[in-house]
Amino acid sequence: MTHVKICGIRNASDAEYVNEFKPEYAGFVFAGGSRRMIPPKKA
């Protein structure tokens, strides 16, 4: 079985869009140095 993960969510509109596709996993980038990085409180 294939599982889908969408990563790099940065704001509420990204999350709403991702939820339309109902992936098994979704994620945020907390690692520094990435242009997609967001602070945990924002997530």
Protein backbone atom coordinates (compact mmCIF):
# COMPACT_ATOMS: atom_id res chain seq x y z
CA MET A 1 0.00 0.00 0.00
CA THR A 2 1.26 3.48 -0.84
CA HIS A 3 1.17 6.22 1.77
CA VAL A 4 1.28 9.91 0.92
CA LYS A 5 3.05 12.58 2.98
CA ILE A 6 2.88 16.28 2.22
CA CYS A 7 5.47 18.31 4.03
CA GLY A 8 6.44 21.96 4.23
CA ILE A 9 3.12 23.40 5.38
CA ARG A 10 3.71 27.03 6.31
CA ASN A 11 0.32 28.62 6.98
CA ALA A 12 -3.39 27.96 7.46
CA SER A 13 -4.24 28.18 3.76
CA ASP A 14 -1.57 25.53 3.00
CA ALA A 15 -3.13 23.27 5.63
CA GLU A 16 -6.63 23.76 4.23
CA TYR A 17 -5.40 22.90 0.72
CA VAL A 18 -3.56 19.78 1.94
CA ASN A 19 -6.67 18.61 3.83
CA GLU A 20 -8.62 18.53 0.57
CA PHE A 21 -6.44 15.61 -0.56
CA LYS A 22 -6.50 13.74 2.76
CA PRO A 23 -2.91 12.43 2.82
CA GLU A 24 -1.93 9.88 5.45
CA TYR A 25 0.70 12.27 6.80
CA ALA A 26 1.35 16.00 6.71
CA GLY A 27 4.25 17.86 8.22
CA PHE A 28 5.97 21.07 9.10
CA VAL A 29 9.67 21.92 8.77
CA PHE A 30 11.25 22.97 12.07
CA ALA A 31 14.88 22.56 11.00
CA GLY A 32 16.80 25.79 10.68
CA GLY A 33 18.33 26.71 7.35
CA SER A 34 15.27 25.75 5.30
CA ARG A 35 13.20 28.41 3.56
CA ARG A 36 10.14 26.39 4.60
CA MET A 37 11.07 26.45 8.31
CA ILE A 38 8.42 27.77 10.72
CA PRO A 39 8.58 28.10 14.51
CA PRO A 40 6.69 25.41 16.50
CA LYS A 41 4.29 27.99 17.99
CA LYS A 42 3.15 28.99 14.51
CA ALA A 43 2.53 25.35 13.58
